[in-house]
Amino acid sequence: MTPFFWSEDHRRLLAVSCFACLLQFASCFRAQTYFGSVGAGNYSYFQVGHRGDPFIPFVIELHSLEGDCDLYVSASSIQEPTFEKYHFQSATCGYDRVELKDSHYEAPYHVAIYGHPYHRLSQYRLVVSPLTSAGQEPSDAESEGQDSFLFTILLKILEFILEVLL
């Protein structure tokens, strides 16, 4: 039986592919922040997760920077939530928050940001972050520490893969 050898190009491609997969896996556990604007009476839509993803408890926070935005969230059965059809909602003036703590609903989760009709244009910041076991999202310092810890682990794994392949 002839031994199999990886060419230099195959080893590089495999290392890059492994690193890309690890980065995608790590991004599941980090806070994601989006900025945007929405016109009066209109919606902006986002999707959190993909069909078949394992459930990770998370929180969605909406900060109205100008105007007034409202937050509507649904699971996979409602692809475009509105103020009339949704599973979770928060419609306050300024700061809106929805926590998804149990796996009763399946991914993907659909997020709608509604621009209140009294404001021609509303600007917002949307933050999606994991919940800790205590039901709190990590603080900025904890999140930064987790990011550097994950990055260190990813680098060690990549170093190991490169050492084995090269």
N, C-alpha and C. Protein backbone atom coordinates (compact mmCIF):
# COMPACT_ATOMS: atom_id res chain seq x y z
N MET A 1 0.84 -1.17 0.00
CA MET A 1 0.00 0.00 0.00
C MET A 1 0.89 1.24 0.00
N THR A 2 0.62 2.16 -0.90
CA THR A 2 1.41 3.38 -1.03
C THR A 2 0.94 4.42 -0.01
N PRO A 3 1.88 5.01 0.73
CA PRO A 3 1.47 6.05 1.70
C PRO A 3 0.94 7.27 0.97
N PHE A 4 0.00 7.95 1.61
CA PHE A 4 -0.61 9.15 1.03
C PHE A 4 0.09 10.38 1.60
N PHE A 5 0.51 11.29 0.72
CA PHE A 5 1.15 12.53 1.15
C PHE A 5 0.33 13.72 0.67
N TRP A 6 0.17 14.69 1.54
CA TRP A 6 -0.54 15.91 1.19
C TRP A 6 0.43 16.84 0.48
N SER A 7 -0.03 17.44 -0.61
CA SER A 7 0.80 18.45 -1.27
C SER A 7 0.79 19.71 -0.43
N GLU A 8 1.73 20.59 -0.66
CA GLU A 8 1.82 21.86 0.08
C GLU A 8 0.52 22.66 -0.06
N ASP A 9 -0.04 22.71 -1.26
CA ASP A 9 -1.28 23.46 -1.48
C ASP A 9 -2.45 22.84 -0.72
N HIS A 10 -2.53 21.50 -0.70
CA HIS A 10 -3.60 20.84 0.03
C HIS A 10 -3.51 21.12 1.52
N ARG A 11 -2.30 21.10 2.07
CA ARG A 11 -2.12 21.38 3.50
C ARG A 11 -2.52 22.80 3.84
N ARG A 12 -2.15 23.76 3.00
CA ARG A 12 -2.53 25.16 3.25
C ARG A 12 -4.05 25.32 3.18
N LEU A 13 -4.65 24.73 2.17
CA LEU A 13 -6.10 24.83 2.00
C LEU A 13 -6.83 24.22 3.20
N LEU A 14 -6.36 23.08 3.65
CA LEU A 14 -6.97 22.44 4.81
C LEU A 14 -6.82 23.30 6.06
N ALA A 15 -5.64 23.87 6.26
CA ALA A 15 -5.40 24.72 7.44
C ALA A 15 -6.31 25.95 7.41
N VAL A 16 -6.43 26.59 6.25
CA VAL A 16 -7.28 27.77 6.12
C VAL A 16 -8.74 27.39 6.34
N SER A 17 -9.16 26.25 5.80
CA SER A 17 -10.55 25.80 5.98
C SER A 17 -10.84 25.50 7.45
N CYS A 18 -9.91 24.86 8.13
CA CYS A 18 -10.09 24.56 9.56
C CYS A 18 -10.19 25.85 10.37
N PHE A 19 -9.33 26.79 10.06
CA PHE A 19 -9.34 28.06 10.79
C PHE A 19 -10.65 28.80 10.55
N ALA A 20 -11.14 28.80 9.31
CA ALA A 20 -12.41 29.47 9.00
C ALA A 20 -13.56 28.81 9.77
N CYS A 21 -13.56 27.48 9.86
CA CYS A 21 -14.61 26.78 10.62
C CYS A 21 -14.53 27.13 12.10
N LEU A 22 -13.33 27.20 12.64
CA LEU A 22 -13.17 27.54 14.04
C LEU A 22 -13.64 28.96 14.33
N LEU A 23 -13.34 29.88 13.43
CA LEU A 23 -13.79 31.26 13.61
C LEU A 23 -15.31 31.35 13.56
N GLN A 24 -15.93 30.60 12.66
CA GLN A 24 -17.38 30.60 12.57
C GLN A 24 -17.99 30.02 13.84
N PHE A 25 -17.38 28.95 14.37
CA PHE A 25 -17.86 28.36 15.62
C PHE A 25 -17.74 29.35 16.77
N ALA A 26 -16.62 30.06 16.84
CA ALA A 26 -16.41 31.02 17.93
C ALA A 26 -17.38 32.18 17.84
N SER A 27 -17.77 32.58 16.64
CA SER A 27 -18.67 33.72 16.50
C SER A 27 -20.06 33.43 17.07
N CYS A 28 -20.41 32.15 17.25
CA CYS A 28 -21.71 31.80 17.84
C CYS A 28 -21.81 32.26 19.29
N PHE A 29 -20.68 32.46 19.95
CA PHE A 29 -20.68 32.76 21.37
C PHE A 29 -20.32 34.21 21.66
N ARG A 30 -20.26 35.05 20.67
CA ARG A 30 -19.91 36.45 20.85
C ARG A 30 -21.12 37.33 20.59
N ALA A 31 -21.08 38.51 21.17
CA ALA A 31 -22.15 39.49 20.91
C ALA A 31 -21.97 40.03 19.49
N GLN A 32 -23.08 40.22 18.81
CA GLN A 32 -23.08 40.81 17.47
C GLN A 32 -23.84 42.12 17.55
N THR A 33 -23.28 43.19 16.97
CA THR A 33 -23.90 44.51 17.01
C THR A 33 -24.15 44.99 15.59
N TYR A 34 -25.33 45.53 15.37
CA TYR A 34 -25.71 46.07 14.06
C TYR A 34 -26.28 47.47 14.26
N PHE A 35 -25.97 48.35 13.33
CA PHE A 35 -26.52 49.71 13.32
C PHE A 35 -27.36 49.86 12.06
N GLY A 36 -28.45 50.61 12.16
CA GLY A 36 -29.27 50.82 10.98
C GLY A 36 -30.32 51.89 11.20
N SER A 37 -31.15 52.06 10.18
CA SER A 37 -32.25 53.01 10.27
C SER A 37 -33.46 52.39 9.57
N VAL A 38 -34.64 52.86 9.98
CA VAL A 38 -35.88 52.35 9.41
C VAL A 38 -36.86 53.51 9.31
N GLY A 39 -37.57 53.57 8.20
CA GLY A 39 -38.55 54.63 7.98
C GLY A 39 -39.83 54.42 8.77
N ALA A 40 -40.61 55.48 8.88
CA ALA A 40 -41.88 55.44 9.62
C ALA A 40 -42.80 54.37 9.04
N GLY A 41 -43.30 53.49 9.91
CA GLY A 41 -44.24 52.46 9.49
C GLY A 41 -43.61 51.31 8.72
N ASN A 42 -42.29 51.25 8.64
CA ASN A 42 -41.60 50.19 7.91
C ASN A 42 -40.86 49.26 8.87
N TYR A 43 -40.36 48.14 8.30
CA TYR A 43 -39.63 47.15 9.08
C TYR A 43 -38.24 46.93 8.49
N SER A 44 -37.28 46.63 9.36
CA SER A 44 -35.98 46.08 8.97
C SER A 44 -35.94 44.68 9.57
N TYR A 45 -35.46 43.71 8.79
CA TYR A 45 -35.47 42.32 9.25
C TYR A 45 -34.05 41.76 9.38
N PHE A 46 -33.88 40.91 10.38
CA PHE A 46 -32.63 40.19 10.61
C PHE A 46 -32.98 38.74 10.92
N GLN A 47 -32.01 37.87 10.74
CA GLN A 47 -32.18 36.46 11.10
C GLN A 47 -31.07 36.08 12.07
N VAL A 48 -31.43 35.37 13.13
CA VAL A 48 -30.46 34.88 14.10
C VAL A 48 -30.45 33.36 14.01
N GLY A 49 -29.32 32.79 13.66
CA GLY A 49 -29.18 31.34 13.57
C GLY A 49 -29.70 30.77 12.27
N HIS A 50 -29.55 29.45 12.16
CA HIS A 50 -29.98 28.72 10.97
C HIS A 50 -30.76 27.49 11.41
N ARG A 51 -31.57 26.96 10.52
CA ARG A 51 -32.35 25.76 10.81
C ARG A 51 -31.41 24.64 11.27
N GLY A 52 -31.77 24.01 12.37
CA GLY A 52 -30.97 22.90 12.88
C GLY A 52 -29.87 23.31 13.85
N ASP A 53 -29.65 24.61 14.04
CA ASP A 53 -28.63 25.05 15.00
C ASP A 53 -29.01 24.60 16.40
N PRO A 54 -28.00 24.23 17.22
CA PRO A 54 -28.31 23.92 18.62
C PRO A 54 -28.76 25.19 19.34
N PHE A 55 -29.64 25.06 20.31
CA PHE A 55 -30.15 26.23 21.01
C PHE A 55 -29.13 26.74 22.01
N ILE A 56 -28.86 28.03 21.96
CA ILE A 56 -28.03 28.73 22.93
C ILE A 56 -28.86 29.90 23.43
N PRO A 57 -29.15 29.99 24.73
CA PRO A 57 -29.94 31.12 25.24
C PRO A 57 -29.29 32.45 24.87
N PHE A 58 -30.10 33.40 24.42
CA PHE A 58 -29.55 34.68 24.01
C PHE A 58 -30.53 35.81 24.28
N VAL A 59 -30.02 37.03 24.19
CA VAL A 59 -30.82 38.23 24.41
C VAL A 59 -30.67 39.13 23.20
N ILE A 60 -31.76 39.79 22.83
CA ILE A 60 -31.74 40.78 21.75
C ILE A 60 -32.08 42.12 22.38
N GLU A 61 -31.19 43.09 22.20
CA GLU A 61 -31.41 44.43 22.74
C GLU A 61 -31.48 45.42 21.59
N LEU A 62 -32.45 46.30 21.64
CA LEU A 62 -32.63 47.33 20.63
C LEU A 62 -32.58 48.69 21.30
N HIS A 63 -31.63 49.50 20.89
CA HIS A 63 -31.48 50.85 21.41
C HIS A 63 -31.90 51.82 20.32
N SER A 64 -32.95 52.59 20.54
CA SER A 64 -33.37 53.61 19.58
C SER A 64 -32.47 54.81 19.78
N LEU A 65 -31.64 55.10 18.79
CA LEU A 65 -30.70 56.22 18.88
C LEU A 65 -31.37 57.53 18.51
N GLU A 66 -32.25 57.49 17.52
CA GLU A 66 -33.08 58.63 17.12
C GLU A 66 -34.44 58.07 16.75
N GLY A 67 -35.50 58.79 17.07
CA GLY A 67 -36.84 58.30 16.79
C GLY A 67 -37.23 57.22 17.78
N ASP A 68 -38.08 56.30 17.33
CA ASP A 68 -38.53 55.22 18.21
C ASP A 68 -38.71 53.95 17.39
N CYS A 69 -37.97 52.92 17.76
CA CYS A 69 -38.08 51.61 17.12
C CYS A 69 -38.68 50.62 18.10
N ASP A 70 -39.41 49.64 17.59
CA ASP A 70 -39.96 48.56 18.40
C ASP A 70 -39.42 47.24 17.89
N LEU A 71 -39.37 46.24 18.78
CA LEU A 71 -38.73 44.97 18.50
C LEU A 71 -39.76 43.84 18.50
N TYR A 72 -39.77 43.05 17.42
CA TYR A 72 -40.65 41.89 17.30
C TYR A 72 -39.81 40.69 16.86
N VAL A 73 -39.97 39.56 17.55
CA VAL A 73 -39.15 38.38 17.29
C VAL A 73 -40.06 37.17 17.12
N SER A 74 -39.71 36.31 16.16
CA SER A 74 -40.46 35.07 15.96
C SER A 74 -39.49 33.94 15.70
N ALA A 75 -39.99 32.73 15.88
CA ALA A 75 -39.21 31.54 15.55
C ALA A 75 -39.46 31.19 14.09
N SER A 76 -38.99 30.03 13.69
CA SER A 76 -39.01 29.65 12.28
C SER A 76 -40.39 29.66 11.64
N SER A 77 -41.46 29.51 12.41
CA SER A 77 -42.80 29.43 11.82
C SER A 77 -43.32 30.75 11.27
N ILE A 78 -42.80 31.88 11.76
CA ILE A 78 -43.19 33.21 11.24
C ILE A 78 -41.92 33.88 10.72
N GLN A 79 -41.78 33.95 9.40
CA GLN A 79 -40.53 34.45 8.83
C GLN A 79 -40.42 35.97 8.83
N GLU A 80 -41.52 36.67 8.85
CA GLU A 80 -41.49 38.13 8.89
C GLU A 80 -42.44 38.61 9.99
N PRO A 81 -41.93 38.70 11.22
CA PRO A 81 -42.81 39.14 12.31
C PRO A 81 -43.25 40.59 12.11
N THR A 82 -44.43 40.91 12.63
CA THR A 82 -44.96 42.27 12.59
C THR A 82 -45.55 42.59 13.96
N PHE A 83 -46.10 43.79 14.12
CA PHE A 83 -46.73 44.10 15.40
C PHE A 83 -48.03 43.33 15.59
N GLU A 84 -48.49 42.63 14.56
CA GLU A 84 -49.70 41.82 14.67
C GLU A 84 -49.41 40.33 14.82
N LYS A 85 -48.26 39.86 14.34
CA LYS A 85 -47.91 38.43 14.47
C LYS A 85 -46.44 38.30 14.85
N TYR A 86 -46.23 37.71 16.02
CA TYR A 86 -44.88 37.55 16.58
C TYR A 86 -44.96 36.54 17.72
N HIS A 87 -43.80 36.09 18.19
CA HIS A 87 -43.74 35.24 19.38
C HIS A 87 -43.28 36.04 20.60
N PHE A 88 -42.39 37.00 20.39
CA PHE A 88 -41.88 37.85 21.47
C PHE A 88 -41.88 39.29 20.98
N GLN A 89 -42.10 40.24 21.89
CA GLN A 89 -42.06 41.64 21.48
C GLN A 89 -41.67 42.53 22.64
N SER A 90 -41.13 43.69 22.29
CA SER A 90 -40.84 44.74 23.25
C SER A 90 -41.07 46.05 22.51
N ALA A 91 -42.03 46.81 22.98
CA ALA A 91 -42.40 48.05 22.29
C ALA A 91 -42.45 49.19 23.30
N THR A 92 -41.28 49.65 23.70
CA THR A 92 -41.18 50.76 24.64
C THR A 92 -40.60 51.96 23.91
N CYS A 93 -40.45 53.04 24.60
CA CYS A 93 -39.80 54.23 24.01
C CYS A 93 -38.33 54.20 24.37
N GLY A 94 -37.48 53.89 23.43
CA GLY A 94 -36.04 53.97 23.66
C GLY A 94 -35.32 52.65 23.71
N TYR A 95 -35.51 51.84 24.74
CA TYR A 95 -34.75 50.61 24.94
C TYR A 95 -35.70 49.42 24.96
N ASP A 96 -35.47 48.48 24.06
CA ASP A 96 -36.30 47.27 23.99
C ASP A 96 -35.40 46.05 24.15
N ARG A 97 -35.95 45.02 24.81
CA ARG A 97 -35.15 43.83 25.12
C ARG A 97 -36.04 42.59 25.09
N VAL A 98 -35.53 41.53 24.46
CA VAL A 98 -36.20 40.24 24.43
C VAL A 98 -35.17 39.17 24.77
N GLU A 99 -35.51 38.31 25.74
CA GLU A 99 -34.64 37.20 26.12
C GLU A 99 -35.25 35.90 25.64
N LEU A 100 -34.44 35.06 25.03
CA LEU A 100 -34.88 33.72 24.64
C LEU A 100 -34.09 32.74 25.50
N LYS A 101 -34.78 32.18 26.50
CA LYS A 101 -34.10 31.36 27.50
C LYS A 101 -34.32 29.87 27.34
N ASP A 102 -35.37 29.46 26.62
CA ASP A 102 -35.60 28.03 26.49
C ASP A 102 -35.74 27.66 25.02
N SER A 103 -35.63 26.38 24.76
CA SER A 103 -35.59 25.90 23.37
C SER A 103 -36.95 25.49 22.84
N HIS A 104 -38.02 26.09 23.38
CA HIS A 104 -39.37 25.76 22.93
C HIS A 104 -39.54 26.06 21.43
N TYR A 105 -38.94 27.14 20.98
CA TYR A 105 -39.03 27.52 19.56
C TYR A 105 -37.73 27.14 18.86
N GLU A 106 -37.84 26.77 17.58
CA GLU A 106 -36.68 26.33 16.81
C GLU A 106 -36.10 27.47 15.98
N ALA A 107 -34.79 27.40 15.76
CA ALA A 107 -34.10 28.34 14.89
C ALA A 107 -34.52 28.08 13.45
N PRO A 108 -34.41 29.06 12.61
CA PRO A 108 -33.86 30.39 12.84
C PRO A 108 -34.88 31.31 13.52
N TYR A 109 -34.36 32.33 14.16
CA TYR A 109 -35.19 33.35 14.80
C TYR A 109 -35.20 34.58 13.91
N HIS A 110 -36.37 35.14 13.70
CA HIS A 110 -36.53 36.28 12.82
C HIS A 110 -36.79 37.52 13.67
N VAL A 111 -36.04 38.56 13.40
CA VAL A 111 -36.11 39.80 14.18
C VAL A 111 -36.63 40.90 13.26
N ALA A 112 -37.65 41.61 13.72
CA ALA A 112 -38.19 42.75 12.98
C ALA A 112 -38.02 44.00 13.84
N ILE A 113 -37.52 45.04 13.21
CA ILE A 113 -37.42 46.34 13.86
C ILE A 113 -38.40 47.25 13.14
N TYR A 114 -39.35 47.76 13.90
CA TYR A 114 -40.42 48.57 13.33
C TYR A 114 -40.17 50.04 13.66
N GLY A 115 -40.23 50.89 12.64
CA GLY A 115 -40.10 52.33 12.83
C GLY A 115 -41.44 52.94 13.17
N HIS A 116 -41.51 53.56 14.34
CA HIS A 116 -42.79 54.14 14.78
C HIS A 116 -43.23 55.23 13.80
N PRO A 117 -44.53 55.30 13.47
CA PRO A 117 -45.04 56.25 12.48
C PRO A 117 -44.88 57.72 12.86
N TYR A 118 -44.68 58.02 14.15
CA TYR A 118 -44.53 59.42 14.55
C TYR A 118 -43.16 60.00 14.24
N HIS A 119 -42.24 59.17 13.78
CA HIS A 119 -40.89 59.63 13.44
C HIS A 119 -40.59 59.25 11.99
N ARG A 120 -40.24 60.24 11.19
CA ARG A 120 -39.98 59.99 9.76
C ARG A 120 -38.89 58.94 9.56
N LEU A 121 -37.83 59.01 10.37
CA LEU A 121 -36.73 58.06 10.28
C LEU A 121 -36.23 57.77 11.69
N SER A 122 -36.08 56.51 12.02
CA SER A 122 -35.56 56.10 13.32
C SER A 122 -34.25 55.37 13.12
N GLN A 123 -33.27 55.69 13.95
CA GLN A 123 -31.97 55.03 13.89
C GLN A 123 -31.82 54.16 15.14
N TYR A 124 -31.12 53.04 14.97
CA TYR A 124 -31.05 52.09 16.07
C TYR A 124 -29.70 51.37 16.12
N ARG A 125 -29.47 50.74 17.27
CA ARG A 125 -28.37 49.80 17.47
C ARG A 125 -29.00 48.51 17.98
N LEU A 126 -28.73 47.42 17.31
CA LEU A 126 -29.26 46.11 17.68
C LEU A 126 -28.10 45.25 18.16
N VAL A 127 -28.25 44.66 19.36
CA VAL A 127 -27.20 43.81 19.92
C VAL A 127 -27.80 42.44 20.23
N VAL A 128 -27.18 41.39 19.70
CA VAL A 128 -27.58 40.01 19.97
C VAL A 128 -26.42 39.37 20.72
N SER A 129 -26.67 38.89 21.94
CA SER A 129 -25.58 38.31 22.73
C SER A 129 -26.07 37.11 23.51
N PRO A 130 -25.15 36.19 23.83
CA PRO A 130 -25.53 35.00 24.60
C PRO A 130 -25.85 35.35 26.04
N LEU A 131 -26.71 34.57 26.65
CA LEU A 131 -27.00 34.70 28.08
C LEU A 131 -26.08 33.75 28.84
N THR A 132 -25.59 34.18 29.99
CA THR A 132 -24.80 33.30 30.83
C THR A 132 -25.73 32.39 31.60
N SER A 133 -25.18 31.46 32.35
CA SER A 133 -26.01 30.52 33.10
C SER A 133 -26.87 31.23 34.14
N ALA A 134 -26.45 32.41 34.58
CA ALA A 134 -27.23 33.16 35.56
C ALA A 134 -28.34 33.97 34.91
N GLY A 135 -28.47 33.88 33.57
CA GLY A 135 -29.52 34.62 32.88
C GLY A 135 -29.15 36.06 32.57
N GLN A 136 -27.89 36.38 32.67
CA GLN A 136 -27.41 37.73 32.38
C GLN A 136 -26.48 37.67 31.17
N GLU A 137 -26.52 38.70 30.34
CA GLU A 137 -25.56 38.72 29.26
C GLU A 137 -24.21 39.14 29.84
N PRO A 138 -23.08 38.68 29.24
CA PRO A 138 -21.78 39.03 29.79
C PRO A 138 -21.53 40.52 29.71
N SER A 139 -20.84 41.05 30.72
CA SER A 139 -20.47 42.46 30.68
C SER A 139 -19.42 42.67 29.62
N ASP A 140 -19.11 43.93 29.29
CA ASP A 140 -18.10 44.22 28.29
C ASP A 140 -16.76 43.62 28.66
N ALA A 141 -16.39 43.71 29.95
CA ALA A 141 -15.11 43.16 30.39
C ALA A 141 -15.09 41.64 30.25
N GLU A 142 -16.20 40.98 30.65
CA GLU A 142 -16.28 39.53 30.52
C GLU A 142 -16.25 39.12 29.06
N SER A 143 -16.99 39.85 28.22
CA SER A 143 -17.05 39.55 26.80
C SER A 143 -15.67 39.69 26.18
N GLU A 144 -14.95 40.74 26.56
CA GLU A 144 -13.60 40.96 26.03
C GLU A 144 -12.68 39.83 26.47
N GLY A 145 -12.81 39.41 27.73
CA GLY A 145 -12.00 38.30 28.23
C GLY A 145 -12.32 37.01 27.52
N GLN A 146 -13.62 36.76 27.27
CA GLN A 146 -14.02 35.56 26.56
C GLN A 146 -13.48 35.58 25.14
N ASP A 147 -13.54 36.75 24.50
CA ASP A 147 -13.04 36.87 23.13
C ASP A 147 -11.55 36.53 23.06
N SER A 148 -10.75 37.09 23.99
CA SER A 148 -9.33 36.83 23.95
C SER A 148 -9.04 35.37 24.29
N PHE A 149 -9.83 34.79 25.21
CA PHE A 149 -9.67 33.38 25.55
C PHE A 149 -9.97 32.50 24.34
N LEU A 150 -11.10 32.76 23.67
CA LEU A 150 -11.45 32.00 22.47
C LEU A 150 -10.40 32.16 21.38
N PHE A 151 -9.92 33.38 21.22
CA PHE A 151 -8.89 33.63 20.20
C PHE A 151 -7.63 32.84 20.52
N THR A 152 -7.25 32.79 21.79
CA THR A 152 -6.06 32.03 22.20
C THR A 152 -6.25 30.54 21.90
N ILE A 153 -7.44 30.02 22.22
CA ILE A 153 -7.71 28.61 21.92
C ILE A 153 -7.66 28.35 20.42
N LEU A 154 -8.26 29.23 19.64
CA LEU A 154 -8.25 29.06 18.18
C LEU A 154 -6.84 29.07 17.63
N LEU A 155 -6.01 29.97 18.14
CA LEU A 155 -4.62 30.03 17.67
C LEU A 155 -3.86 28.75 18.03
N LYS A 156 -4.07 28.24 19.23
CA LYS A 156 -3.39 27.00 19.64
C LYS A 156 -3.83 25.82 18.76
N ILE A 157 -5.11 25.74 18.47
CA ILE A 157 -5.61 24.66 17.61
C ILE A 157 -5.03 24.80 16.22
N LEU A 158 -5.01 26.01 15.69
CA LEU A 158 -4.45 26.23 14.36
C LEU A 158 -2.96 25.90 14.33
N GLU A 159 -2.22 26.29 15.36
CA GLU A 159 -0.79 25.95 15.43
C GLU A 159 -0.60 24.44 15.41
N PHE A 160 -1.43 23.73 16.17
CA PHE A 160 -1.35 22.28 16.21
C PHE A 160 -1.62 21.68 14.83
N ILE A 161 -2.68 22.16 14.18
CA ILE A 161 -3.02 21.64 12.84
C ILE A 161 -1.89 21.89 11.86
N LEU A 162 -1.35 23.11 11.89
CA LEU A 162 -0.25 23.42 10.98
C LEU A 162 0.99 22.57 11.27
N GLU A 163 1.27 22.33 12.55
CA GLU A 163 2.42 21.52 12.92
C GLU A 163 2.26 20.09 12.42
N VAL A 164 1.06 19.54 12.56
CA VAL A 164 0.80 18.19 12.10
C VAL A 164 0.87 18.09 10.58
N LEU A 165 0.29 19.09 9.90
CA LEU A 165 0.24 19.04 8.43
C LEU A 165 1.58 19.36 7.77
N LEU A 166 2.32 20.22 8.38
CA LEU A 166 3.58 20.64 7.76
C LEU A 166 4.71 19.83 8.35
